[in-house]
């Protein structure tokens, strides 16, 4: 027997190996592109159909998210606007308008945080809690039944687990991006002279 033909460790052509790696990378990116496009579609459809689901009670999908977040036992004593924004993974600026509208409608209150006077705590009012438990939740559950039609509990659990991993990865990207941003110093004018804020000159 020829020892060369009997040797299981065959020599691999480097060019073939590189081609295989390139094909695998391209296939991975194709699957990633498809996944993120589906997530984009789901996000848009969730906003559209979710808002329609709770519209009969005069709510939007954003108000639904805020009511749900503040109805949790962990938020019984209120949440700071910053903590609520982090929990919902939105910016404080995007959240501000929603909170003002909900406060005007009597669904929540906003008061100074006793632990940090620069921060404000938001919590559900009795009317807001009723709007959540008696009005929103039945509509949301009916929406869920339609949206997850055909999914088993195990399939939903696995999908949720995959999404949690994806969110965790993107949170890591967000943290790294923010860490690389240069710190903002005082505004300077021509020649590096510090500018006086408009309206503060004496």
C-alpha atoms as a PDB file:
ATOM      1  CA  UNK A   1       0.000   0.000   0.000  1.00  0.00           C
ATOM      2  CA  UNK A   2       1.266   3.414  -0.927  1.00  0.00           C
ATOM      3  CA  UNK A   3       1.837   5.276   2.361  1.00  0.00           C
ATOM      4  CA  UNK A   4       0.899   8.550   0.675  1.00  0.00           C
ATOM      5  CA  UNK A   5      -2.535   7.265  -0.280  1.00  0.00           C
ATOM      6  CA  UNK A   6      -3.012   5.701   3.144  1.00  0.00           C
ATOM      7  CA  UNK A   7      -2.277   8.938   5.044  1.00  0.00           C
ATOM      8  CA  UNK A   8      -5.601  10.491   6.208  1.00  0.00           C
ATOM      9  CA  UNK A   9      -3.978  13.918   6.605  1.00  0.00           C
ATOM     10  CA  UNK A  10      -4.289  15.099   3.042  1.00  0.00           C
ATOM     11  CA  UNK A  11      -2.598  18.318   2.022  1.00  0.00           C
ATOM     12  CA  UNK A  12      -5.067  21.214   1.662  1.00  0.00           C
ATOM     13  CA  UNK A  13      -4.631  23.746  -1.125  1.00  0.00           C
ATOM     14  CA  UNK A  14      -4.413  27.206   0.562  1.00  0.00           C
ATOM     15  CA  UNK A  15      -6.387  28.757  -2.294  1.00  0.00           C
ATOM     16  CA  UNK A  16      -9.223  26.276  -1.812  1.00  0.00           C
ATOM     17  CA  UNK A  17      -9.212  26.956   1.927  1.00  0.00           C
ATOM     18  CA  UNK A  18      -9.460  30.706   1.354  1.00  0.00           C
ATOM     19  CA  UNK A  19     -12.295  30.231  -1.124  1.00  0.00           C
ATOM     20  CA  UNK A  20     -14.187  28.094   1.391  1.00  0.00           C
ATOM     21  CA  UNK A  21     -13.693  30.694   4.139  1.00  0.00           C
ATOM     22  CA  UNK A  22     -14.844  33.492   1.829  1.00  0.00           C
ATOM     23  CA  UNK A  23     -17.935  31.515   0.843  1.00  0.00           C
ATOM     24  CA  UNK A  24     -18.722  30.815   4.517  1.00  0.00           C
ATOM     25  CA  UNK A  25     -18.310  34.514   5.411  1.00  0.00           C
ATOM     26  CA  UNK A  26     -20.559  35.548   2.518  1.00  0.00           C
ATOM     27  CA  UNK A  27     -23.192  33.033   3.583  1.00  0.00           C
ATOM     28  CA  UNK A  28     -23.029  34.326   7.177  1.00  0.00           C
ATOM     29  CA  UNK A  29     -23.512  37.913   6.028  1.00  0.00           C
ATOM     30  CA  UNK A  30     -26.434  36.896   3.815  1.00  0.00           C
ATOM     31  CA  UNK A  31     -28.175  35.290   6.800  1.00  0.00           C
ATOM     32  CA  UNK A  32     -27.361  38.323   8.982  1.00  0.00           C
ATOM     33  CA  UNK A  33     -28.768  40.686   6.356  1.00  0.00           C
ATOM     34  CA  UNK A  34     -31.961  38.656   6.130  1.00  0.00           C
ATOM     35  CA  UNK A  35     -32.280  38.550   9.930  1.00  0.00           C
ATOM     36  CA  UNK A  36     -31.867  42.286  10.401  1.00  0.00           C
ATOM     37  CA  UNK A  37     -34.228  43.097   7.562  1.00  0.00           C
ATOM     38  CA  UNK A  38     -36.869  40.862   9.168  1.00  0.00           C
ATOM     39  CA  UNK A  39     -36.287  42.661  12.468  1.00  0.00           C
ATOM     40  CA  UNK A  40     -36.725  45.995  10.690  1.00  0.00           C
ATOM     41  CA  UNK A  41     -39.992  44.783   9.179  1.00  0.00           C
ATOM     42  CA  UNK A  42     -41.179  43.417  12.521  1.00  0.00           C
ATOM     43  CA  UNK A  43     -40.395  46.722  14.239  1.00  0.00           C
ATOM     44  CA  UNK A  44     -42.398  48.672  11.670  1.00  0.00           C
ATOM     45  CA  UNK A  45     -45.303  46.237  11.753  1.00  0.00           C
ATOM     46  CA  UNK A  46     -45.256  46.148  15.559  1.00  0.00           C
ATOM     47  CA  UNK A  47     -45.551  49.935  15.671  1.00  0.00           C
ATOM     48  CA  UNK A  48     -48.360  49.993  13.090  1.00  0.00           C
ATOM     49  CA  UNK A  49     -50.453  47.022  14.191  1.00  0.00           C
ATOM     50  CA  UNK A  50     -49.693  47.484  17.888  1.00  0.00           C
ATOM     51  CA  UNK A  51     -50.948  51.067  17.790  1.00  0.00           C
ATOM     52  CA  UNK A  52     -54.084  49.955  15.962  1.00  0.00           C
ATOM     53  CA  UNK A  53     -54.656  47.305  18.638  1.00  0.00           C
ATOM     54  CA  UNK A  54     -54.766  49.847  21.482  1.00  0.00           C
ATOM     55  CA  UNK A  55     -56.259  52.771  19.532  1.00  0.00           C
ATOM     56  CA  UNK A  56     -59.786  52.025  20.796  1.00  0.00           C
ATOM     57  CA  UNK A  57     -58.578  53.162  24.231  1.00  0.00           C
ATOM     58  CA  UNK A  58     -56.823  56.253  22.844  1.00  0.00           C
ATOM     59  CA  UNK A  59     -53.342  54.776  23.291  1.00  0.00           C
ATOM     60  CA  UNK A  60     -50.300  54.395  21.061  1.00  0.00           C
ATOM     61  CA  UNK A  61     -47.707  51.625  21.046  1.00  0.00           C
ATOM     62  CA  UNK A  62     -45.294  54.027  22.813  1.00  0.00           C
ATOM     63  CA  UNK A  63     -47.807  54.646  25.609  1.00  0.00           C
ATOM     64  CA  UNK A  64     -48.384  50.901  25.783  1.00  0.00           C
ATOM     65  CA  UNK A  65     -44.647  50.402  26.396  1.00  0.00           C
ATOM     66  CA  UNK A  66     -44.517  53.094  29.102  1.00  0.00           C
ATOM     67  CA  UNK A  67     -47.636  51.813  30.886  1.00  0.00           C
ATOM     68  CA  UNK A  68     -46.263  48.267  30.811  1.00  0.00           C
ATOM     69  CA  UNK A  69     -42.884  49.346  32.167  1.00  0.00           C
ATOM     70  CA  UNK A  70     -44.373  51.398  35.003  1.00  0.00           C
ATOM     71  CA  UNK A  71     -46.920  48.706  35.930  1.00  0.00           C
ATOM     72  CA  UNK A  72     -44.184  46.267  36.975  1.00  0.00           C
ATOM     73  CA  UNK A  73     -43.705  45.642  40.721  1.00  0.00           C
ATOM     74  CA  UNK A  74     -40.121  46.887  40.368  1.00  0.00           C
ATOM     75  CA  UNK A  75     -41.492  50.303  39.354  1.00  0.00           C
ATOM     76  CA  UNK A  76     -44.091  50.572  42.136  1.00  0.00           C
ATOM     77  CA  UNK A  77     -42.181  53.459  43.754  1.00  0.00           C
ATOM     78  CA  UNK A  78     -41.564  55.141  40.418  1.00  0.00           C
ATOM     79  CA  UNK A  79     -38.687  55.230  37.945  1.00  0.00           C
ATOM     80  CA  UNK A  80     -36.391  58.054  37.005  1.00  0.00           C
ATOM     81  CA  UNK A  81     -36.764  59.245  33.435  1.00  0.00           C
ATOM     82  CA  UNK A  82     -33.233  58.013  32.739  1.00  0.00           C
ATOM     83  CA  UNK A  83     -33.929  54.532  34.130  1.00  0.00           C
ATOM     84  CA  UNK A  84     -37.172  54.309  32.166  1.00  0.00           C
ATOM     85  CA  UNK A  85     -35.391  55.352  28.961  1.00  0.00           C
ATOM     86  CA  UNK A  86     -32.689  52.724  29.540  1.00  0.00           C
ATOM     87  CA  UNK A  87     -35.273  50.028  30.248  1.00  0.00           C
ATOM     88  CA  UNK A  88     -37.176  50.825  27.050  1.00  0.00           C
ATOM     89  CA  UNK A  89     -33.901  51.422  25.152  1.00  0.00           C
ATOM     90  CA  UNK A  90     -34.988  54.804  23.822  1.00  0.00           C
ATOM     91  CA  UNK A  91     -33.470  58.260  24.192  1.00  0.00           C
ATOM     92  CA  UNK A  92     -34.629  60.634  26.897  1.00  0.00           C
ATOM     93  CA  UNK A  93     -35.527  63.119  24.155  1.00  0.00           C
ATOM     94  CA  UNK A  94     -37.857  60.634  22.447  1.00  0.00           C
ATOM     95  CA  UNK A  95     -39.414  59.692  25.775  1.00  0.00           C
ATOM     96  CA  UNK A  96     -39.948  63.250  26.993  1.00  0.00           C
ATOM     97  CA  UNK A  97     -42.849  64.090  24.670  1.00  0.00           C
ATOM     98  CA  UNK A  98     -44.641  60.820  25.415  1.00  0.00           C
ATOM     99  CA  UNK A  99     -44.360  61.360  29.188  1.00  0.00           C
ATOM    100  CA  UNK A 100     -45.651  64.928  28.953  1.00  0.00           C
ATOM    101  CA  UNK A 101     -48.667  63.762  26.967  1.00  0.00           C
ATOM    102  CA  UNK A 102     -49.409  60.951  29.424  1.00  0.00           C
ATOM    103  CA  UNK A 103     -49.060  63.345  32.369  1.00  0.00           C
ATOM    104  CA  UNK A 104     -51.537  65.747  30.741  1.00  0.00           C
ATOM    105  CA  UNK A 105     -53.945  62.839  30.279  1.00  0.00           C
ATOM    106  CA  UNK A 106     -53.633  61.929  33.966  1.00  0.00           C
ATOM    107  CA  UNK A 107     -52.005  58.541  33.401  1.00  0.00           C
ATOM    108  CA  UNK A 108     -48.823  59.290  35.331  1.00  0.00           C
ATOM    109  CA  UNK A 109     -47.202  61.816  37.630  1.00  0.00           C
ATOM    110  CA  UNK A 110     -43.735  63.318  37.481  1.00  0.00           C
ATOM    111  CA  UNK A 111     -42.161  64.505  40.728  1.00  0.00           C
ATOM    112  CA  UNK A 112     -38.644  65.446  41.893  1.00  0.00           C
ATOM    113  CA  UNK A 113     -36.559  62.485  43.026  1.00  0.00           C
ATOM    114  CA  UNK A 114     -35.868  62.819  46.751  1.00  0.00           C
ATOM    115  CA  UNK A 115     -32.512  61.098  46.271  1.00  0.00           C
ATOM    116  CA  UNK A 116     -31.414  63.371  43.409  1.00  0.00           C
ATOM    117  CA  UNK A 117     -33.191  66.701  42.972  1.00  0.00           C
ATOM    118  CA  UNK A 118     -31.878  66.961  39.398  1.00  0.00           C
ATOM    119  CA  UNK A 119     -33.837  63.852  38.462  1.00  0.00           C
ATOM    120  CA  UNK A 120     -37.589  63.270  38.261  1.00  0.00           C
ATOM    121  CA  UNK A 121     -39.548  60.155  39.142  1.00  0.00           C
ATOM    122  CA  UNK A 122     -42.463  59.026  37.026  1.00  0.00           C
ATOM    123  CA  UNK A 123     -45.114  56.670  38.366  1.00  0.00           C
ATOM    124  CA  UNK A 124     -48.557  55.517  37.332  1.00  0.00           C
ATOM    125  CA  UNK A 125     -51.602  57.253  38.745  1.00  0.00           C
ATOM    126  CA  UNK A 126     -54.667  55.249  39.768  1.00  0.00           C
ATOM    127  CA  UNK A 127     -56.203  56.244  36.431  1.00  0.00           C
ATOM    128  CA  UNK A 128     -53.090  55.099  34.595  1.00  0.00           C
ATOM    129  CA  UNK A 129     -53.133  51.742  36.340  1.00  0.00           C
ATOM    130  CA  UNK A 130     -56.797  51.277  35.480  1.00  0.00           C
ATOM    131  CA  UNK A 131     -56.077  52.213  31.864  1.00  0.00           C
ATOM    132  CA  UNK A 132     -53.421  49.502  31.815  1.00  0.00           C
ATOM    133  CA  UNK A 133     -55.166  46.637  33.598  1.00  0.00           C
ATOM    134  CA  UNK A 134     -58.768  47.154  32.471  1.00  0.00           C
ATOM    135  CA  UNK A 135     -58.396  48.689  29.044  1.00  0.00           C
ATOM    136  CA  UNK A 136     -54.976  48.060  27.491  1.00  0.00           C
ATOM    137  CA  UNK A 137     -54.139  44.534  28.684  1.00  0.00           C
ATOM    138  CA  UNK A 138     -57.229  42.814  27.168  1.00  0.00           C
ATOM    139  CA  UNK A 139     -56.543  44.485  23.815  1.00  0.00           C
ATOM    140  CA  UNK A 140     -52.845  43.605  23.982  1.00  0.00           C
ATOM    141  CA  UNK A 141     -53.555  39.958  24.787  1.00  0.00           C
ATOM    142  CA  UNK A 142     -55.953  39.762  21.832  1.00  0.00           C
ATOM    143  CA  UNK A 143     -53.208  41.252  19.641  1.00  0.00           C
ATOM    144  CA  UNK A 144     -50.665  38.726  20.943  1.00  0.00           C
ATOM    145  CA  UNK A 145     -52.987  35.827  20.132  1.00  0.00           C
ATOM    146  CA  UNK A 146     -53.109  36.928  16.515  1.00  0.00           C
ATOM    147  CA  UNK A 147     -49.417  37.839  16.213  1.00  0.00           C
ATOM    148  CA  UNK A 148     -48.049  34.550  17.593  1.00  0.00           C
ATOM    149  CA  UNK A 149     -50.608  32.316  15.891  1.00  0.00           C
ATOM    150  CA  UNK A 150     -48.969  28.989  15.069  1.00  0.00           C
ATOM    151  CA  UNK A 151     -46.098  29.408  17.552  1.00  0.00           C
ATOM    152  CA  UNK A 152     -45.671  26.907  20.360  1.00  0.00           C
ATOM    153  CA  UNK A 153     -44.558  28.128  23.818  1.00  0.00           C
ATOM    154  CA  UNK A 154     -41.188  26.450  23.210  1.00  0.00           C
ATOM    155  CA  UNK A 155     -40.739  28.269  19.892  1.00  0.00           C
ATOM    156  CA  UNK A 156     -41.602  31.595  21.507  1.00  0.00           C
ATOM    157  CA  UNK A 157     -39.153  30.938  24.349  1.00  0.00           C
ATOM    158  CA  UNK A 158     -36.353  30.085  21.920  1.00  0.00           C
ATOM    159  CA  UNK A 159     -37.069  33.138  19.751  1.00  0.00           C
ATOM    160  CA  UNK A 160     -37.050  35.341  22.853  1.00  0.00           C
ATOM    161  CA  UNK A 161     -33.718  33.871  23.922  1.00  0.00           C
ATOM    162  CA  UNK A 162     -32.146  34.568  20.529  1.00  0.00           C
ATOM    163  CA  UNK A 163     -33.435  38.147  20.586  1.00  0.00           C
ATOM    164  CA  UNK A 164     -32.064  38.693  24.094  1.00  0.00           C
ATOM    165  CA  UNK A 165     -28.624  37.597  22.877  1.00  0.00           C
ATOM    166  CA  UNK A 166     -28.899  39.935  19.893  1.00  0.00           C
ATOM    167  CA  UNK A 167     -29.945  42.851  22.097  1.00  0.00           C
ATOM    168  CA  UNK A 168     -27.007  42.124  24.404  1.00  0.00           C
ATOM    169  CA  UNK A 169     -24.569  42.215  21.487  1.00  0.00           C
ATOM    170  CA  UNK A 170     -25.993  45.517  20.253  1.00  0.00           C
ATOM    171  CA  UNK A 171     -25.825  46.989  23.762  1.00  0.00           C
ATOM    172  CA  UNK A 172     -22.131  46.121  23.710  1.00  0.00           C
ATOM    173  CA  UNK A 173     -21.765  47.945  20.376  1.00  0.00           C
ATOM    174  CA  UNK A 174     -23.601  50.961  21.811  1.00  0.00           C
ATOM    175  CA  UNK A 175     -21.406  51.063  24.920  1.00  0.00           C
ATOM    176  CA  UNK A 176     -18.210  50.794  22.869  1.00  0.00           C
ATOM    177  CA  UNK A 177     -19.358  53.537  20.501  1.00  0.00           C
ATOM    178  CA  UNK A 178     -20.183  55.910  23.356  1.00  0.00           C
ATOM    179  CA  UNK A 179     -16.836  55.163  25.015  1.00  0.00           C
ATOM    180  CA  UNK A 180     -14.990  56.221  21.852  1.00  0.00           C
ATOM    181  CA  UNK A 181     -16.763  59.566  21.582  1.00  0.00           C
ATOM    182  CA  UNK A 182     -14.589  62.515  22.628  1.00  0.00           C
ATOM    183  CA  UNK A 183     -15.735  64.382  25.710  1.00  0.00           C
ATOM    184  CA  UNK A 184     -17.494  67.608  24.873  1.00  0.00           C
ATOM    185  CA  UNK A 185     -15.654  70.631  26.192  1.00  0.00           C
ATOM    186  CA  UNK A 186     -16.824  74.234  26.326  1.00  0.00           C
ATOM    187  CA  UNK A 187     -17.688  75.763  22.963  1.00  0.00           C
ATOM    188  CA  UNK A 188     -14.914  77.857  21.466  1.00  0.00           C
ATOM    189  CA  UNK A 189     -14.920  80.534  18.834  1.00  0.00           C
ATOM    190  CA  UNK A 190     -12.312  81.591  16.309  1.00  0.00           C
ATOM    191  CA  UNK A 191      -8.799  81.300  17.645  1.00  0.00           C
ATOM    192  CA  UNK A 192      -9.937  78.974  20.432  1.00  0.00           C
ATOM    193  CA  UNK A 193     -11.548  81.697  22.530  1.00  0.00           C
ATOM    194  CA  UNK A 194     -14.352  80.390  24.736  1.00  0.00           C
ATOM    195  CA  UNK A 195     -17.772  81.558  23.587  1.00  0.00           C
ATOM    196  CA  UNK A 196     -20.230  83.115  26.003  1.00  0.00           C
ATOM    197  CA  UNK A 197     -23.680  81.490  25.732  1.00  0.00           C
ATOM    198  CA  UNK A 198     -26.110  83.703  23.858  1.00  0.00           C
ATOM    199  CA  UNK A 199     -28.260  85.728  26.202  1.00  0.00           C
ATOM    200  CA  UNK A 200     -25.800  85.522  29.122  1.00  0.00           C
ATOM    201  CA  UNK A 201     -23.593  88.505  28.248  1.00  0.00           C
ATOM    202  CA  UNK A 202     -23.610  91.364  30.645  1.00  0.00           C
END
